[in-house]
Amino acid sequence: MPGAPSAERHMRDAREVCDALGVDRLEVDIGPIVEATLADVPAEDRDRVTVGNVRARARMLLSYRETNRRNLLVLGANNRSERLLGYFTKYGDGGVDVAALGDCYKTEVYAFARAVGVDERIVGKTPTAELWEGQTDEGELGESYETIDRILRSIVDRGLSVPEVAERTDIDAETVREFADMWRGSAHKREVPPTPGVERRDS
């Protein structure tokens, strides 16, 4: 589902992987949907995050259009690192039926890909959703996935405090606290939407 600023080299790589695996592929340009959605949004309000979220949700819409038509399920690509940080668009790339990689940290996804023989040219690509020009995951997050995963494993899986993580690693406390706050602050993205909690009684 390309659309500006999608780079042709990434589209070419995706086609090659599909062809090598014998996977059927369908290409749909999200540009017209994005432009129609933003048509009445003033230019000064079209910041890159707003536009990027519209792009991600356009892809979700098209994914479900096709799966509904074919009686299939939407398979998501989000990993545990992204899910814990809320590093996905709510009801965009986070809107899937099956999150096959959802329990694996990003660094584990790399290891898994290499173990099953994925071409290193693909594994070594810089992660990006291409939601705006020059966007990369690690550039936007501010740290490498190796550092991020070490922090998340310590905070989330082992229940360590920020000072404890900083003391046991070479990661400064400010960085640890930043990602701990991202994890806690994005909890709403991982939870079922709340209801008022109306108490029901048998009549």
C-alpha atoms as a PDB file:
ATOM      1  CA  MET A   1       0.000   0.000   0.000  1.00  0.00           C
ATOM      2  CA  PRO A   2       2.360   2.701  -1.211  1.00  0.00           C
ATOM      3  CA  GLY A   3       1.760   6.418  -1.041  1.00  0.00           C
ATOM      4  CA  ALA A   4       4.028   9.428  -0.806  1.00  0.00           C
ATOM      5  CA  PRO A   5       6.692   9.309   0.532  1.00  0.00           C
ATOM      6  CA  SER A   6       7.023   5.546  -0.115  1.00  0.00           C
ATOM      7  CA  ALA A   7      10.365   4.772  -1.754  1.00  0.00           C
ATOM      8  CA  GLU A   8      10.327   2.561  -4.823  1.00  0.00           C
ATOM      9  CA  ARG A   9      13.267   0.531  -3.458  1.00  0.00           C
ATOM     10  CA  HIS A  10      11.117  -0.642  -0.533  1.00  0.00           C
ATOM     11  CA  MET A  11       8.263  -1.543  -2.853  1.00  0.00           C
ATOM     12  CA  ARG A  12      10.691  -3.479  -5.026  1.00  0.00           C
ATOM     13  CA  ASP A  13      12.016  -5.401  -2.018  1.00  0.00           C
ATOM     14  CA  ALA A  14       8.466  -6.250  -0.911  1.00  0.00           C
ATOM     15  CA  ARG A  15       7.603  -7.550  -4.375  1.00  0.00           C
ATOM     16  CA  GLU A  16      10.739  -9.679  -4.473  1.00  0.00           C
ATOM     17  CA  VAL A  17      10.007 -11.232  -1.074  1.00  0.00           C
ATOM     18  CA  CYS A  18       6.413 -12.023  -2.065  1.00  0.00           C
ATOM     19  CA  ASP A  19       7.523 -13.544  -5.350  1.00  0.00           C
ATOM     20  CA  ALA A  20      10.259 -15.610  -3.672  1.00  0.00           C
ATOM     21  CA  LEU A  21       7.764 -17.014  -1.156  1.00  0.00           C
ATOM     22  CA  GLY A  22       5.005 -17.518  -3.705  1.00  0.00           C
ATOM     23  CA  VAL A  23       2.715 -15.090  -1.858  1.00  0.00           C
ATOM     24  CA  ASP A  24      -0.073 -13.409  -3.826  1.00  0.00           C
ATOM     25  CA  ARG A  25       0.255  -9.635  -3.769  1.00  0.00           C
ATOM     26  CA  LEU A  26      -2.009  -6.701  -4.482  1.00  0.00           C
ATOM     27  CA  GLU A  27      -0.752  -3.125  -4.673  1.00  0.00           C
ATOM     28  CA  VAL A  28      -3.111  -0.263  -3.863  1.00  0.00           C
ATOM     29  CA  ASP A  29      -2.047   3.387  -3.736  1.00  0.00           C
ATOM     30  CA  ILE A  30      -3.259   4.999  -0.494  1.00  0.00           C
ATOM     31  CA  GLY A  31      -2.679   8.505  -1.885  1.00  0.00           C
ATOM     32  CA  PRO A  32      -6.270   9.240  -3.032  1.00  0.00           C
ATOM     33  CA  ILE A  33      -7.728   8.106   0.313  1.00  0.00           C
ATOM     34  CA  VAL A  34      -5.231  10.204   2.279  1.00  0.00           C
ATOM     35  CA  GLU A  35      -5.836  13.298   0.158  1.00  0.00           C
ATOM     36  CA  ALA A  36      -9.628  12.918   0.367  1.00  0.00           C
ATOM     37  CA  THR A  37      -9.417  12.550   4.168  1.00  0.00           C
ATOM     38  CA  LEU A  38      -7.244  15.654   4.503  1.00  0.00           C
ATOM     39  CA  ALA A  39      -9.095  17.744   1.912  1.00  0.00           C
ATOM     40  CA  ASP A  40     -10.850  19.949   4.465  1.00  0.00           C
ATOM     41  CA  VAL A  41      -7.937  20.104   6.916  1.00  0.00           C
ATOM     42  CA  PRO A  42      -6.130  23.487   6.778  1.00  0.00           C
ATOM     43  CA  ALA A  43      -2.516  23.265   5.643  1.00  0.00           C
ATOM     44  CA  GLU A  44      -1.258  24.596   8.987  1.00  0.00           C
ATOM     45  CA  ASP A  45      -2.947  21.692  10.763  1.00  0.00           C
ATOM     46  CA  ARG A  46      -1.398  19.030   8.515  1.00  0.00           C
ATOM     47  CA  ASP A  47       1.553  18.258  10.773  1.00  0.00           C
ATOM     48  CA  ARG A  48       3.506  15.130   9.967  1.00  0.00           C
ATOM     49  CA  VAL A  49       2.062  13.073  12.824  1.00  0.00           C
ATOM     50  CA  THR A  50      -1.520  13.856  11.793  1.00  0.00           C
ATOM     51  CA  VAL A  51      -0.801  13.007   8.166  1.00  0.00           C
ATOM     52  CA  GLY A  52       1.176   9.924   9.167  1.00  0.00           C
ATOM     53  CA  ASN A  53      -1.718   8.631  11.257  1.00  0.00           C
ATOM     54  CA  VAL A  54      -4.107   9.154   8.350  1.00  0.00           C
ATOM     55  CA  ARG A  55      -1.768   7.110   6.135  1.00  0.00           C
ATOM     56  CA  ALA A  56      -1.608   4.284   8.682  1.00  0.00           C
ATOM     57  CA  ARG A  57      -5.403   4.242   9.046  1.00  0.00           C
ATOM     58  CA  ALA A  58      -5.867   4.273   5.284  1.00  0.00           C
ATOM     59  CA  ARG A  59      -3.776   1.110   5.140  1.00  0.00           C
ATOM     60  CA  MET A  60      -5.910  -0.457   7.871  1.00  0.00           C
ATOM     61  CA  LEU A  61      -9.072   0.414   5.944  1.00  0.00           C
ATOM     62  CA  LEU A  62      -7.743  -1.191   2.758  1.00  0.00           C
ATOM     63  CA  SER A  63      -6.476  -4.255   4.620  1.00  0.00           C
ATOM     64  CA  TYR A  64      -9.926  -4.926   6.044  1.00  0.00           C
ATOM     65  CA  ARG A  65     -11.611  -4.187   2.740  1.00  0.00           C
ATOM     66  CA  GLU A  66      -9.621  -7.001   1.151  1.00  0.00           C
ATOM     67  CA  THR A  67      -9.843  -9.476   4.030  1.00  0.00           C
ATOM     68  CA  ASN A  68     -13.603  -8.961   4.323  1.00  0.00           C
ATOM     69  CA  ARG A  69     -13.978  -9.516   0.612  1.00  0.00           C
ATOM     70  CA  ARG A  70     -11.914 -12.722   0.725  1.00  0.00           C
ATOM     71  CA  ASN A  71     -13.063 -13.974   4.147  1.00  0.00           C
ATOM     72  CA  LEU A  72      -9.543 -13.753   5.564  1.00  0.00           C
ATOM     73  CA  LEU A  73      -7.842 -12.204   8.620  1.00  0.00           C
ATOM     74  CA  VAL A  74      -5.490  -9.224   8.877  1.00  0.00           C
ATOM     75  CA  LEU A  75      -2.015 -10.294   9.984  1.00  0.00           C
ATOM     76  CA  GLY A  76      -0.162  -7.554  11.848  1.00  0.00           C
ATOM     77  CA  ALA A  77       3.559  -6.820  11.815  1.00  0.00           C
ATOM     78  CA  ASN A  78       3.861  -5.066  15.186  1.00  0.00           C
ATOM     79  CA  ASN A  79       6.400  -6.523  17.610  1.00  0.00           C
ATOM     80  CA  ARG A  80       6.534  -6.433  21.416  1.00  0.00           C
ATOM     81  CA  SER A  81       8.855  -3.420  21.477  1.00  0.00           C
ATOM     82  CA  GLU A  82       6.427  -1.329  19.433  1.00  0.00           C
ATOM     83  CA  ARG A  83       3.383  -2.563  21.317  1.00  0.00           C
ATOM     84  CA  LEU A  84       4.875  -1.809  24.750  1.00  0.00           C
ATOM     85  CA  LEU A  85       5.888   1.698  23.704  1.00  0.00           C
ATOM     86  CA  GLY A  86       2.609   2.411  21.933  1.00  0.00           C
ATOM     87  CA  TYR A  87       4.719   2.974  18.830  1.00  0.00           C
ATOM     88  CA  PHE A  88       1.893   2.347  16.407  1.00  0.00           C
ATOM     89  CA  THR A  89      -1.173   4.173  15.198  1.00  0.00           C
ATOM     90  CA  LYS A  90      -4.260   3.345  17.208  1.00  0.00           C
ATOM     91  CA  TYR A  91      -6.765   1.791  14.794  1.00  0.00           C
ATOM     92  CA  GLY A  92      -4.093   1.998  12.123  1.00  0.00           C
ATOM     93  CA  ASP A  93      -1.235  -0.494  11.983  1.00  0.00           C
ATOM     94  CA  GLY A  94      -2.368  -1.575  15.458  1.00  0.00           C
ATOM     95  CA  GLY A  95      -5.749  -2.640  14.057  1.00  0.00           C
ATOM     96  CA  VAL A  96      -5.244  -6.317  13.195  1.00  0.00           C
ATOM     97  CA  ASP A  97      -6.809  -9.713  13.817  1.00  0.00           C
ATOM     98  CA  VAL A  98      -3.597 -11.648  14.515  1.00  0.00           C
ATOM     99  CA  ALA A  99      -0.351 -10.179  15.894  1.00  0.00           C
ATOM    100  CA  ALA A 100       2.006 -13.033  15.105  1.00  0.00           C
ATOM    101  CA  LEU A 101       5.117 -11.140  16.222  1.00  0.00           C
ATOM    102  CA  GLY A 102       3.449  -9.383  19.149  1.00  0.00           C
ATOM    103  CA  ASP A 103       5.278 -11.377  21.817  1.00  0.00           C
ATOM    104  CA  CYS A 104       8.738 -10.901  20.265  1.00  0.00           C
ATOM    105  CA  TYR A 105      10.975  -7.923  20.928  1.00  0.00           C
ATOM    106  CA  LYS A 106      12.364  -6.238  17.826  1.00  0.00           C
ATOM    107  CA  THR A 107      15.817  -7.704  18.409  1.00  0.00           C
ATOM    108  CA  GLU A 108      14.208 -11.147  18.675  1.00  0.00           C
ATOM    109  CA  VAL A 109      12.424 -10.577  15.365  1.00  0.00           C
ATOM    110  CA  TYR A 110      15.819  -9.920  13.762  1.00  0.00           C
ATOM    111  CA  ALA A 111      17.200 -13.149  15.270  1.00  0.00           C
ATOM    112  CA  PHE A 112      14.159 -15.125  14.153  1.00  0.00           C
ATOM    113  CA  ALA A 113      14.388 -13.742  10.608  1.00  0.00           C
ATOM    114  CA  ARG A 114      18.041 -14.759  10.355  1.00  0.00           C
ATOM    115  CA  ALA A 115      17.293 -18.203  11.808  1.00  0.00           C
ATOM    116  CA  VAL A 116      14.703 -18.947   9.121  1.00  0.00           C
ATOM    117  CA  GLY A 117      16.960 -17.700   6.331  1.00  0.00           C
ATOM    118  CA  VAL A 118      15.597 -14.276   5.457  1.00  0.00           C
ATOM    119  CA  ASP A 119      18.051 -12.482   3.175  1.00  0.00           C
ATOM    120  CA  GLU A 120      20.395 -10.253   5.206  1.00  0.00           C
ATOM    121  CA  ARG A 121      19.691  -7.440   2.743  1.00  0.00           C
ATOM    122  CA  ILE A 122      16.090  -7.464   4.026  1.00  0.00           C
ATOM    123  CA  VAL A 123      16.909  -8.072   7.706  1.00  0.00           C
ATOM    124  CA  GLY A 124      19.459  -5.254   7.708  1.00  0.00           C
ATOM    125  CA  LYS A 125      17.118  -2.621   6.285  1.00  0.00           C
ATOM    126  CA  THR A 126      16.581   0.460   8.440  1.00  0.00           C
ATOM    127  CA  PRO A 127      13.128   0.082  10.069  1.00  0.00           C
ATOM    128  CA  THR A 128      10.671   2.722   8.865  1.00  0.00           C
ATOM    129  CA  ALA A 129       6.920   3.022   8.381  1.00  0.00           C
ATOM    130  CA  GLU A 130       7.632   5.795   5.840  1.00  0.00           C
ATOM    131  CA  LEU A 131       4.843   7.895   7.267  1.00  0.00           C
ATOM    132  CA  TRP A 132       6.802  11.029   6.363  1.00  0.00           C
ATOM    133  CA  GLU A 133       9.964  11.859   4.447  1.00  0.00           C
ATOM    134  CA  GLY A 134      13.107  10.599   6.162  1.00  0.00           C
ATOM    135  CA  GLN A 135      11.244   8.932   9.040  1.00  0.00           C
ATOM    136  CA  THR A 136      12.960   5.981  10.715  1.00  0.00           C
ATOM    137  CA  ASP A 137      11.824   4.083  13.788  1.00  0.00           C
ATOM    138  CA  GLU A 138      15.028   4.448  15.779  1.00  0.00           C
ATOM    139  CA  GLY A 139      15.447   8.076  14.714  1.00  0.00           C
ATOM    140  CA  GLU A 140      11.978   8.901  15.951  1.00  0.00           C
ATOM    141  CA  LEU A 141      12.309   6.888  19.169  1.00  0.00           C
ATOM    142  CA  GLY A 142      15.748   8.315  19.877  1.00  0.00           C
ATOM    143  CA  GLU A 143      17.557   5.062  20.684  1.00  0.00           C
ATOM    144  CA  SER A 144      18.533   1.802  19.013  1.00  0.00           C
ATOM    145  CA  TYR A 145      16.229  -1.177  19.410  1.00  0.00           C
ATOM    146  CA  GLU A 146      19.022  -2.968  21.233  1.00  0.00           C
ATOM    147  CA  THR A 147      18.971  -0.304  23.960  1.00  0.00           C
ATOM    148  CA  ILE A 148      15.178  -0.047  23.938  1.00  0.00           C
ATOM    149  CA  ASP A 149      14.728  -3.795  24.345  1.00  0.00           C
ATOM    150  CA  ARG A 150      17.186  -3.944  27.234  1.00  0.00           C
ATOM    151  CA  ILE A 151      15.184  -1.245  29.001  1.00  0.00           C
ATOM    152  CA  LEU A 152      11.791  -2.833  28.341  1.00  0.00           C
ATOM    153  CA  ARG A 153      12.927  -6.299  29.420  1.00  0.00           C
ATOM    154  CA  SER A 154      14.220  -4.822  32.680  1.00  0.00           C
ATOM    155  CA  ILE A 155      11.224  -2.591  33.435  1.00  0.00           C
ATOM    156  CA  VAL A 156       8.332  -4.689  32.108  1.00  0.00           C
ATOM    157  CA  ASP A 157       9.496  -8.298  32.324  1.00  0.00           C
ATOM    158  CA  ARG A 158      11.696  -8.132  35.410  1.00  0.00           C
ATOM    159  CA  GLY A 159       9.867  -5.366  37.268  1.00  0.00           C
ATOM    160  CA  LEU A 160      13.004  -3.342  37.969  1.00  0.00           C
ATOM    161  CA  SER A 161      12.823   0.335  38.866  1.00  0.00           C
ATOM    162  CA  VAL A 162      14.436   3.094  36.804  1.00  0.00           C
ATOM    163  CA  PRO A 163      17.362   3.496  39.254  1.00  0.00           C
ATOM    164  CA  GLU A 164      17.904  -0.276  39.332  1.00  0.00           C
ATOM    165  CA  VAL A 165      18.073  -0.481  35.531  1.00  0.00           C
ATOM    166  CA  ALA A 166      20.475   2.456  35.346  1.00  0.00           C
ATOM    167  CA  GLU A 167      22.651   0.890  38.054  1.00  0.00           C
ATOM    168  CA  ARG A 168      22.802  -2.532  36.378  1.00  0.00           C
ATOM    169  CA  THR A 169      23.389  -1.305  32.815  1.00  0.00           C
ATOM    170  CA  ASP A 170      25.348   1.365  30.976  1.00  0.00           C
ATOM    171  CA  ILE A 171      22.101   3.210  30.156  1.00  0.00           C
ATOM    172  CA  ASP A 172      21.607   6.555  31.893  1.00  0.00           C
ATOM    173  CA  ALA A 173      18.598   6.997  34.190  1.00  0.00           C
ATOM    174  CA  GLU A 174      17.046   9.758  32.074  1.00  0.00           C
ATOM    175  CA  THR A 175      16.867   7.482  29.033  1.00  0.00           C
ATOM    176  CA  VAL A 176      15.464   4.605  31.082  1.00  0.00           C
ATOM    177  CA  ARG A 177      12.832   6.904  32.601  1.00  0.00           C
ATOM    178  CA  GLU A 178      11.857   8.219  29.155  1.00  0.00           C
ATOM    179  CA  PHE A 179      11.020   4.754  27.856  1.00  0.00           C
ATOM    180  CA  ALA A 180       9.386   3.691  31.114  1.00  0.00           C
ATOM    181  CA  ASP A 181       7.110   6.726  30.769  1.00  0.00           C
ATOM    182  CA  MET A 182       6.344   5.824  27.147  1.00  0.00           C
ATOM    183  CA  TRP A 183       5.325   2.333  28.254  1.00  0.00           C
ATOM    184  CA  ARG A 184       3.040   3.575  31.022  1.00  0.00           C
ATOM    185  CA  GLY A 185       1.642   6.474  28.988  1.00  0.00           C
ATOM    186  CA  SER A 186       0.614   4.267  26.062  1.00  0.00           C
ATOM    187  CA  ALA A 187      -1.354   1.729  28.115  1.00  0.00           C
ATOM    188  CA  HIS A 188      -4.619   2.906  26.521  1.00  0.00           C
ATOM    189  CA  LYS A 189      -3.407   1.617  23.155  1.00  0.00           C
ATOM    190  CA  ARG A 190      -3.114  -1.928  24.509  1.00  0.00           C
ATOM    191  CA  GLU A 191      -6.389  -2.077  26.406  1.00  0.00           C
ATOM    192  CA  VAL A 192      -9.989  -2.644  25.446  1.00  0.00           C
ATOM    193  CA  PRO A 193     -11.800   0.740  25.383  1.00  0.00           C
ATOM    194  CA  PRO A 194     -13.308   1.482  28.798  1.00  0.00           C
ATOM    195  CA  THR A 195     -17.041   1.485  29.432  1.00  0.00           C
ATOM    196  CA  PRO A 196     -18.906   3.507  32.093  1.00  0.00           C
ATOM    197  CA  GLY A 197     -19.176   0.421  34.283  1.00  0.00           C
ATOM    198  CA  VAL A 198     -22.973   0.471  34.521  1.00  0.00           C
ATOM    199  CA  GLU A 199     -24.091  -2.053  37.090  1.00  0.00           C
ATOM    200  CA  ARG A 200     -26.750  -4.423  35.767  1.00  0.00           C
ATOM    201  CA  ARG A 201     -29.323  -6.197  37.912  1.00  0.00           C
ATOM    202  CA  ASP A 202     -31.599  -9.089  37.108  1.00  0.00           C
ATOM    203  CA  SER A 203     -35.129  -7.859  36.551  1.00  0.00           C
END
